[in-house]
């Protein structure tokens, strides 16, 4: 079984400040838009890709879709470079409680493979997890990232293809938002929701199961799926 983990709210909590700053500064540099003067996106951005968040901000600033598309690569490249400069050297305190034990239990099994499905641009995702001491659980060349597609729903299929063409019925997405659930459903994958992010169990009812702590998540991923 291929287990596809989201990052923010699922593996890490409160590790997005520098990430957001990098995107905002990239937008300012590439487009000349002062994001600080805009109404910032609120909880509605949870579960979106970095590219989609940039598009929301730029659209609010009056930038047209053609220009957004034309400069999307430049925004991504600058955001990733800036995050490398801003990322704290140690993010271990941002780990969701118990998540390292979940990953250790899964990685010890021959019948489980781990990969990421995250809206983060890949260099951001890799560095964030490396600084949190979790990067070694997720092999290079695997996963689906916001740098692969702006549409979150496209990412599980990318990750399955990179894992050797795993079928949707043999993949499960683990995430903390309704958009994680939606992206899994769009690809025909199963999905476990966790309550370590901004949403409670009531808002995550579309998942196959909801885990409220690491012990429950381990049980589901080792015995229930």
C-alpha atoms as a PDB file:
ATOM      1  CA  UNK A   1       0.000   0.000   0.000  1.00  0.00           C
ATOM      2  CA  UNK A   2       1.188   3.493  -0.899  1.00  0.00           C
ATOM      3  CA  UNK A   3       0.573   5.959   1.932  1.00  0.00           C
ATOM      4  CA  UNK A   4       0.519   9.571   0.723  1.00  0.00           C
ATOM      5  CA  UNK A   5       1.050  12.161   3.444  1.00  0.00           C
ATOM      6  CA  UNK A   6       0.173  15.824   3.380  1.00  0.00           C
ATOM      7  CA  UNK A   7       2.649  18.051   5.268  1.00  0.00           C
ATOM      8  CA  UNK A   8       1.173  21.170   6.875  1.00  0.00           C
ATOM      9  CA  UNK A   9      -1.345  20.229   9.546  1.00  0.00           C
ATOM     10  CA  UNK A  10      -0.638  16.528   9.049  1.00  0.00           C
ATOM     11  CA  UNK A  11       3.081  16.003   9.627  1.00  0.00           C
ATOM     12  CA  UNK A  12       3.923  19.502  10.880  1.00  0.00           C
ATOM     13  CA  UNK A  13       1.989  22.197  12.715  1.00  0.00           C
ATOM     14  CA  UNK A  14       2.722  25.923  12.802  1.00  0.00           C
ATOM     15  CA  UNK A  15       5.570  25.624  10.289  1.00  0.00           C
ATOM     16  CA  UNK A  16       4.166  27.852   7.559  1.00  0.00           C
ATOM     17  CA  UNK A  17       5.120  31.411   8.542  1.00  0.00           C
ATOM     18  CA  UNK A  18       8.403  31.541   6.616  1.00  0.00           C
ATOM     19  CA  UNK A  19       6.826  29.565   3.795  1.00  0.00           C
ATOM     20  CA  UNK A  20       4.075  32.167   3.396  1.00  0.00           C
ATOM     21  CA  UNK A  21       6.608  34.964   3.630  1.00  0.00           C
ATOM     22  CA  UNK A  22       8.653  33.426   0.822  1.00  0.00           C
ATOM     23  CA  UNK A  23       5.602  33.298  -1.455  1.00  0.00           C
ATOM     24  CA  UNK A  24       4.635  36.873  -0.607  1.00  0.00           C
ATOM     25  CA  UNK A  25       8.137  38.160  -1.272  1.00  0.00           C
ATOM     26  CA  UNK A  26       8.330  36.239  -4.546  1.00  0.00           C
ATOM     27  CA  UNK A  27       5.070  37.830  -5.686  1.00  0.00           C
ATOM     28  CA  UNK A  28       6.365  41.280  -4.755  1.00  0.00           C
ATOM     29  CA  UNK A  29       9.636  40.747  -6.608  1.00  0.00           C
ATOM     30  CA  UNK A  30       8.211  39.184  -9.757  1.00  0.00           C
ATOM     31  CA  UNK A  31       4.942  41.103 -10.081  1.00  0.00           C
ATOM     32  CA  UNK A  32       5.599  44.253  -8.072  1.00  0.00           C
ATOM     33  CA  UNK A  33       2.543  43.532  -5.941  1.00  0.00           C
ATOM     34  CA  UNK A  34       2.603  44.417  -2.249  1.00  0.00           C
ATOM     35  CA  UNK A  35       0.838  41.458  -0.678  1.00  0.00           C
ATOM     36  CA  UNK A  36       0.826  43.208   2.699  1.00  0.00           C
ATOM     37  CA  UNK A  37      -1.675  45.687   1.269  1.00  0.00           C
ATOM     38  CA  UNK A  38      -4.109  42.928   0.294  1.00  0.00           C
ATOM     39  CA  UNK A  39      -6.656  41.084   2.360  1.00  0.00           C
ATOM     40  CA  UNK A  40      -4.779  37.914   3.175  1.00  0.00           C
ATOM     41  CA  UNK A  41      -6.414  34.568   2.408  1.00  0.00           C
ATOM     42  CA  UNK A  42      -7.693  32.951   5.587  1.00  0.00           C
ATOM     43  CA  UNK A  43      -8.547  29.328   6.340  1.00  0.00           C
ATOM     44  CA  UNK A  44      -9.883  28.923   2.800  1.00  0.00           C
ATOM     45  CA  UNK A  45      -6.308  28.407   1.569  1.00  0.00           C
ATOM     46  CA  UNK A  46      -5.807  25.309   3.737  1.00  0.00           C
ATOM     47  CA  UNK A  47      -5.121  22.366   1.462  1.00  0.00           C
ATOM     48  CA  UNK A  48      -4.447  24.479  -1.634  1.00  0.00           C
ATOM     49  CA  UNK A  49      -1.239  24.388  -3.640  1.00  0.00           C
ATOM     50  CA  UNK A  50       1.354  27.147  -3.432  1.00  0.00           C
ATOM     51  CA  UNK A  51       0.655  28.109  -7.031  1.00  0.00           C
ATOM     52  CA  UNK A  52      -3.062  28.377  -6.368  1.00  0.00           C
ATOM     53  CA  UNK A  53      -2.475  30.550  -3.303  1.00  0.00           C
ATOM     54  CA  UNK A  54      -0.251  32.857  -5.367  1.00  0.00           C
ATOM     55  CA  UNK A  55      -2.982  33.034  -7.999  1.00  0.00           C
ATOM     56  CA  UNK A  56      -5.602  34.000  -5.398  1.00  0.00           C
ATOM     57  CA  UNK A  57      -3.397  36.815  -4.099  1.00  0.00           C
ATOM     58  CA  UNK A  58      -2.536  38.084  -7.556  1.00  0.00           C
ATOM     59  CA  UNK A  59      -6.145  37.983  -8.725  1.00  0.00           C
ATOM     60  CA  UNK A  60      -7.141  40.058  -5.699  1.00  0.00           C
ATOM     61  CA  UNK A  61      -4.449  42.527  -6.720  1.00  0.00           C
ATOM     62  CA  UNK A  62      -5.982  42.828 -10.192  1.00  0.00           C
ATOM     63  CA  UNK A  63      -3.362  40.840 -12.096  1.00  0.00           C
ATOM     64  CA  UNK A  64      -4.817  39.074 -15.127  1.00  0.00           C
ATOM     65  CA  UNK A  65      -4.688  35.305 -15.668  1.00  0.00           C
ATOM     66  CA  UNK A  66      -2.411  35.576 -18.688  1.00  0.00           C
ATOM     67  CA  UNK A  67       0.277  37.389 -16.739  1.00  0.00           C
ATOM     68  CA  UNK A  68      -0.152  35.045 -13.764  1.00  0.00           C
ATOM     69  CA  UNK A  69       0.409  32.051 -16.053  1.00  0.00           C
ATOM     70  CA  UNK A  70       3.349  33.634 -17.870  1.00  0.00           C
ATOM     71  CA  UNK A  71       5.227  34.395 -14.654  1.00  0.00           C
ATOM     72  CA  UNK A  72       4.196  31.344 -12.596  1.00  0.00           C
ATOM     73  CA  UNK A  73       7.570  29.632 -13.030  1.00  0.00           C
ATOM     74  CA  UNK A  74       9.406  32.769 -11.960  1.00  0.00           C
ATOM     75  CA  UNK A  75       7.262  33.073  -8.826  1.00  0.00           C
ATOM     76  CA  UNK A  76       7.870  29.422  -7.986  1.00  0.00           C
ATOM     77  CA  UNK A  77      11.621  29.655  -8.478  1.00  0.00           C
ATOM     78  CA  UNK A  78      11.935  32.829  -6.420  1.00  0.00           C
ATOM     79  CA  UNK A  79       9.684  31.479  -3.647  1.00  0.00           C
ATOM     80  CA  UNK A  80      11.750  28.308  -3.343  1.00  0.00           C
ATOM     81  CA  UNK A  81      15.020  30.243  -3.282  1.00  0.00           C
ATOM     82  CA  UNK A  82      13.712  32.659  -0.670  1.00  0.00           C
ATOM     83  CA  UNK A  83      12.394  29.828   1.507  1.00  0.00           C
ATOM     84  CA  UNK A  84      15.869  28.301   1.562  1.00  0.00           C
ATOM     85  CA  UNK A  85      17.040  31.570   3.107  1.00  0.00           C
ATOM     86  CA  UNK A  86      14.145  31.927   5.545  1.00  0.00           C
ATOM     87  CA  UNK A  87      13.572  28.357   6.732  1.00  0.00           C
ATOM     88  CA  UNK A  88      14.437  27.886  10.427  1.00  0.00           C
ATOM     89  CA  UNK A  89      17.410  25.567  10.970  1.00  0.00           C
ATOM     90  CA  UNK A  90      15.435  23.319  13.323  1.00  0.00           C
ATOM     91  CA  UNK A  91      11.755  22.497  12.846  1.00  0.00           C
ATOM     92  CA  UNK A  92      11.620  19.433  15.068  1.00  0.00           C
ATOM     93  CA  UNK A  93       9.370  21.260  17.530  1.00  0.00           C
ATOM     94  CA  UNK A  94       6.815  21.656  14.734  1.00  0.00           C
ATOM     95  CA  UNK A  95       6.245  17.915  14.373  1.00  0.00           C
ATOM     96  CA  UNK A  96       2.680  16.860  15.039  1.00  0.00           C
ATOM     97  CA  UNK A  97       2.794  14.879  18.319  1.00  0.00           C
ATOM     98  CA  UNK A  98       3.542  11.228  17.698  1.00  0.00           C
ATOM     99  CA  UNK A  99       3.914  11.538  13.925  1.00  0.00           C
ATOM    100  CA  UNK A 100       7.544  10.372  13.895  1.00  0.00           C
ATOM    101  CA  UNK A 101       6.457   7.133  15.552  1.00  0.00           C
ATOM    102  CA  UNK A 102       3.753   6.660  12.924  1.00  0.00           C
ATOM    103  CA  UNK A 103       6.297   7.042  10.134  1.00  0.00           C
ATOM    104  CA  UNK A 104       8.767   4.721  11.853  1.00  0.00           C
ATOM    105  CA  UNK A 105       6.122   2.022  12.253  1.00  0.00           C
ATOM    106  CA  UNK A 106       5.114   2.237   8.610  1.00  0.00           C
ATOM    107  CA  UNK A 107       8.643   2.384   7.219  1.00  0.00           C
ATOM    108  CA  UNK A 108       9.507  -0.816   9.097  1.00  0.00           C
ATOM    109  CA  UNK A 109       6.907  -2.738   7.100  1.00  0.00           C
ATOM    110  CA  UNK A 110       7.583  -4.305   3.705  1.00  0.00           C
ATOM    111  CA  UNK A 111       3.956  -3.869   2.639  1.00  0.00           C
ATOM    112  CA  UNK A 112       3.857  -0.072   3.079  1.00  0.00           C
ATOM    113  CA  UNK A 113       5.511   2.618   0.963  1.00  0.00           C
ATOM    114  CA  UNK A 114       5.569   6.273   1.994  1.00  0.00           C
ATOM    115  CA  UNK A 115       5.374   9.347  -0.214  1.00  0.00           C
ATOM    116  CA  UNK A 116       4.115  12.919  -0.071  1.00  0.00           C
ATOM    117  CA  UNK A 117       1.081  14.573  -1.604  1.00  0.00           C
ATOM    118  CA  UNK A 118       1.340  18.243  -0.700  1.00  0.00           C
ATOM    119  CA  UNK A 119       0.529  21.638  -2.103  1.00  0.00           C
ATOM    120  CA  UNK A 120       4.042  22.799  -1.163  1.00  0.00           C
ATOM    121  CA  UNK A 121       6.481  23.362  -3.998  1.00  0.00           C
ATOM    122  CA  UNK A 122       8.824  20.359  -3.868  1.00  0.00           C
ATOM    123  CA  UNK A 123      12.010  22.179  -2.745  1.00  0.00           C
ATOM    124  CA  UNK A 124      10.004  23.805   0.057  1.00  0.00           C
ATOM    125  CA  UNK A 125       8.510  20.474   1.101  1.00  0.00           C
ATOM    126  CA  UNK A 126      11.854  18.665   1.106  1.00  0.00           C
ATOM    127  CA  UNK A 127      13.664  21.330   3.096  1.00  0.00           C
ATOM    128  CA  UNK A 128      10.827  21.731   5.580  1.00  0.00           C
ATOM    129  CA  UNK A 129      10.813  18.003   6.362  1.00  0.00           C
ATOM    130  CA  UNK A 130      14.609  17.778   6.433  1.00  0.00           C
ATOM    131  CA  UNK A 131      14.756  20.526   9.050  1.00  0.00           C
ATOM    132  CA  UNK A 132      12.037  18.717  11.006  1.00  0.00           C
ATOM    133  CA  UNK A 133      14.035  15.482  10.997  1.00  0.00           C
ATOM    134  CA  UNK A 134      11.447  13.639   8.909  1.00  0.00           C
ATOM    135  CA  UNK A 135      12.884  13.919   5.423  1.00  0.00           C
ATOM    136  CA  UNK A 136      14.515  10.490   5.449  1.00  0.00           C
ATOM    137  CA  UNK A 137      11.112   8.802   5.487  1.00  0.00           C
ATOM    138  CA  UNK A 138      10.294  10.145   2.001  1.00  0.00           C
ATOM    139  CA  UNK A 139      12.470   9.065  -0.908  1.00  0.00           C
ATOM    140  CA  UNK A 140      13.614  11.470  -3.594  1.00  0.00           C
ATOM    141  CA  UNK A 141      11.806  11.067  -6.890  1.00  0.00           C
ATOM    142  CA  UNK A 142       8.560  10.104  -5.172  1.00  0.00           C
ATOM    143  CA  UNK A 143       5.382  12.027  -4.321  1.00  0.00           C
ATOM    144  CA  UNK A 144       3.226  14.759  -5.822  1.00  0.00           C
ATOM    145  CA  UNK A 145       3.843  18.453  -5.134  1.00  0.00           C
ATOM    146  CA  UNK A 146       2.479  21.903  -5.819  1.00  0.00           C
ATOM    147  CA  UNK A 147       5.283  22.323  -8.340  1.00  0.00           C
ATOM    148  CA  UNK A 148       3.806  19.439 -10.376  1.00  0.00           C
ATOM    149  CA  UNK A 149       0.330  20.946 -10.768  1.00  0.00           C
ATOM    150  CA  UNK A 150      -1.626  23.897  -9.458  1.00  0.00           C
ATOM    151  CA  UNK A 151      -4.699  21.692  -9.082  1.00  0.00           C
ATOM    152  CA  UNK A 152      -4.402  19.681  -5.877  1.00  0.00           C
ATOM    153  CA  UNK A 153      -6.672  16.983  -7.323  1.00  0.00           C
ATOM    154  CA  UNK A 154      -3.995  16.069  -9.876  1.00  0.00           C
ATOM    155  CA  UNK A 155      -1.316  15.238  -7.303  1.00  0.00           C
ATOM    156  CA  UNK A 156      -2.258  11.727  -6.075  1.00  0.00           C
ATOM    157  CA  UNK A 157      -2.052  10.430  -9.644  1.00  0.00           C
ATOM    158  CA  UNK A 158       1.400  11.984 -10.019  1.00  0.00           C
ATOM    159  CA  UNK A 159       2.542  10.255  -6.829  1.00  0.00           C
ATOM    160  CA  UNK A 160       1.074   6.908  -7.880  1.00  0.00           C
ATOM    161  CA  UNK A 161       2.832   7.102 -11.245  1.00  0.00           C
ATOM    162  CA  UNK A 162       6.171   7.880  -9.614  1.00  0.00           C
ATOM    163  CA  UNK A 163       5.697   4.917  -7.291  1.00  0.00           C
ATOM    164  CA  UNK A 164       5.546   2.587 -10.276  1.00  0.00           C
ATOM    165  CA  UNK A 165       1.916   2.856 -11.259  1.00  0.00           C
ATOM    166  CA  UNK A 166       0.274   1.874  -7.971  1.00  0.00           C
ATOM    167  CA  UNK A 167      -3.471   1.568  -8.485  1.00  0.00           C
ATOM    168  CA  UNK A 168      -5.839   3.937  -6.660  1.00  0.00           C
ATOM    169  CA  UNK A 169      -7.269   1.051  -4.642  1.00  0.00           C
ATOM    170  CA  UNK A 170      -3.786   0.426  -3.222  1.00  0.00           C
ATOM    171  CA  UNK A 171      -3.196   4.045  -2.219  1.00  0.00           C
ATOM    172  CA  UNK A 172      -4.432   6.051   0.746  1.00  0.00           C
ATOM    173  CA  UNK A 173      -4.100   9.803   1.289  1.00  0.00           C
ATOM    174  CA  UNK A 174      -3.555  11.115   4.829  1.00  0.00           C
ATOM    175  CA  UNK A 175      -4.476  14.772   5.269  1.00  0.00           C
ATOM    176  CA  UNK A 176      -6.090  17.326   7.539  1.00  0.00           C
ATOM    177  CA  UNK A 177      -8.437  19.328   5.295  1.00  0.00           C
ATOM    178  CA  UNK A 178     -11.526  18.769   3.153  1.00  0.00           C
ATOM    179  CA  UNK A 179      -9.315  19.470   0.109  1.00  0.00           C
ATOM    180  CA  UNK A 180      -7.113  16.507   1.016  1.00  0.00           C
ATOM    181  CA  UNK A 181     -10.245  14.393   1.048  1.00  0.00           C
ATOM    182  CA  UNK A 182     -11.395  15.852  -2.277  1.00  0.00           C
ATOM    183  CA  UNK A 183      -8.075  15.215  -4.010  1.00  0.00           C
ATOM    184  CA  UNK A 184      -8.105  11.585  -2.875  1.00  0.00           C
ATOM    185  CA  UNK A 185     -11.673  11.116  -4.071  1.00  0.00           C
ATOM    186  CA  UNK A 186     -10.874  12.709  -7.440  1.00  0.00           C
ATOM    187  CA  UNK A 187      -8.238  10.028  -7.998  1.00  0.00           C
ATOM    188  CA  UNK A 188     -10.230   7.126  -6.562  1.00  0.00           C
ATOM    189  CA  UNK A 189      -7.952   6.702  -3.529  1.00  0.00           C
ATOM    190  CA  UNK A 190      -8.998   6.000   0.015  1.00  0.00           C
ATOM    191  CA  UNK A 191      -8.417   8.724   2.562  1.00  0.00           C
ATOM    192  CA  UNK A 192      -7.781   9.092   6.280  1.00  0.00           C
ATOM    193  CA  UNK A 193      -8.340  12.531   7.790  1.00  0.00           C
ATOM    194  CA  UNK A 194      -6.498  13.737  10.878  1.00  0.00           C
ATOM    195  CA  UNK A 195      -7.626  16.447  13.283  1.00  0.00           C
ATOM    196  CA  UNK A 196      -4.160  17.930  13.863  1.00  0.00           C
ATOM    197  CA  UNK A 197      -4.891  20.767  11.421  1.00  0.00           C
ATOM    198  CA  UNK A 198      -7.535  23.508  11.381  1.00  0.00           C
ATOM    199  CA  UNK A 199     -10.554  21.198  11.017  1.00  0.00           C
ATOM    200  CA  UNK A 200     -12.341  19.037  13.550  1.00  0.00           C
ATOM    201  CA  UNK A 201     -13.809  15.605  12.949  1.00  0.00           C
ATOM    202  CA  UNK A 202     -17.229  17.007  12.006  1.00  0.00           C
ATOM    203  CA  UNK A 203     -15.736  18.851   9.005  1.00  0.00           C
ATOM    204  CA  UNK A 204     -13.841  15.774   7.846  1.00  0.00           C
ATOM    205  CA  UNK A 205     -16.724  13.364   7.570  1.00  0.00           C
ATOM    206  CA  UNK A 206     -16.090  12.682   3.892  1.00  0.00           C
ATOM    207  CA  UNK A 207     -13.025  10.601   4.730  1.00  0.00           C
ATOM    208  CA  UNK A 208     -13.032   6.820   5.034  1.00  0.00           C
ATOM    209  CA  UNK A 209     -11.817   7.273   8.611  1.00  0.00           C
ATOM    210  CA  UNK A 210     -10.799  10.083  10.963  1.00  0.00           C
ATOM    211  CA  UNK A 211      -7.854   9.756  13.351  1.00  0.00           C
ATOM    212  CA  UNK A 212      -7.715  12.115  16.305  1.00  0.00           C
ATOM    213  CA  UNK A 213      -4.215  11.184  17.453  1.00  0.00           C
ATOM    214  CA  UNK A 214      -1.092   9.350  16.341  1.00  0.00           C
ATOM    215  CA  UNK A 215      -2.082   6.110  18.043  1.00  0.00           C
ATOM    216  CA  UNK A 216      -5.344   5.973  16.103  1.00  0.00           C
ATOM    217  CA  UNK A 217      -3.566   6.819  12.850  1.00  0.00           C
ATOM    218  CA  UNK A 218      -1.011   4.060  13.386  1.00  0.00           C
ATOM    219  CA  UNK A 219      -3.775   1.550  14.055  1.00  0.00           C
ATOM    220  CA  UNK A 220      -5.635   2.510  10.892  1.00  0.00           C
ATOM    221  CA  UNK A 221      -2.558   2.404   8.668  1.00  0.00           C
ATOM    222  CA  UNK A 222      -1.198  -0.846  10.048  1.00  0.00           C
ATOM    223  CA  UNK A 223      -4.391  -2.822  10.560  1.00  0.00           C
ATOM    224  CA  UNK A 224      -7.429  -1.024   9.212  1.00  0.00           C
ATOM    225  CA  UNK A 225      -6.391  -0.361   5.602  1.00  0.00           C
END
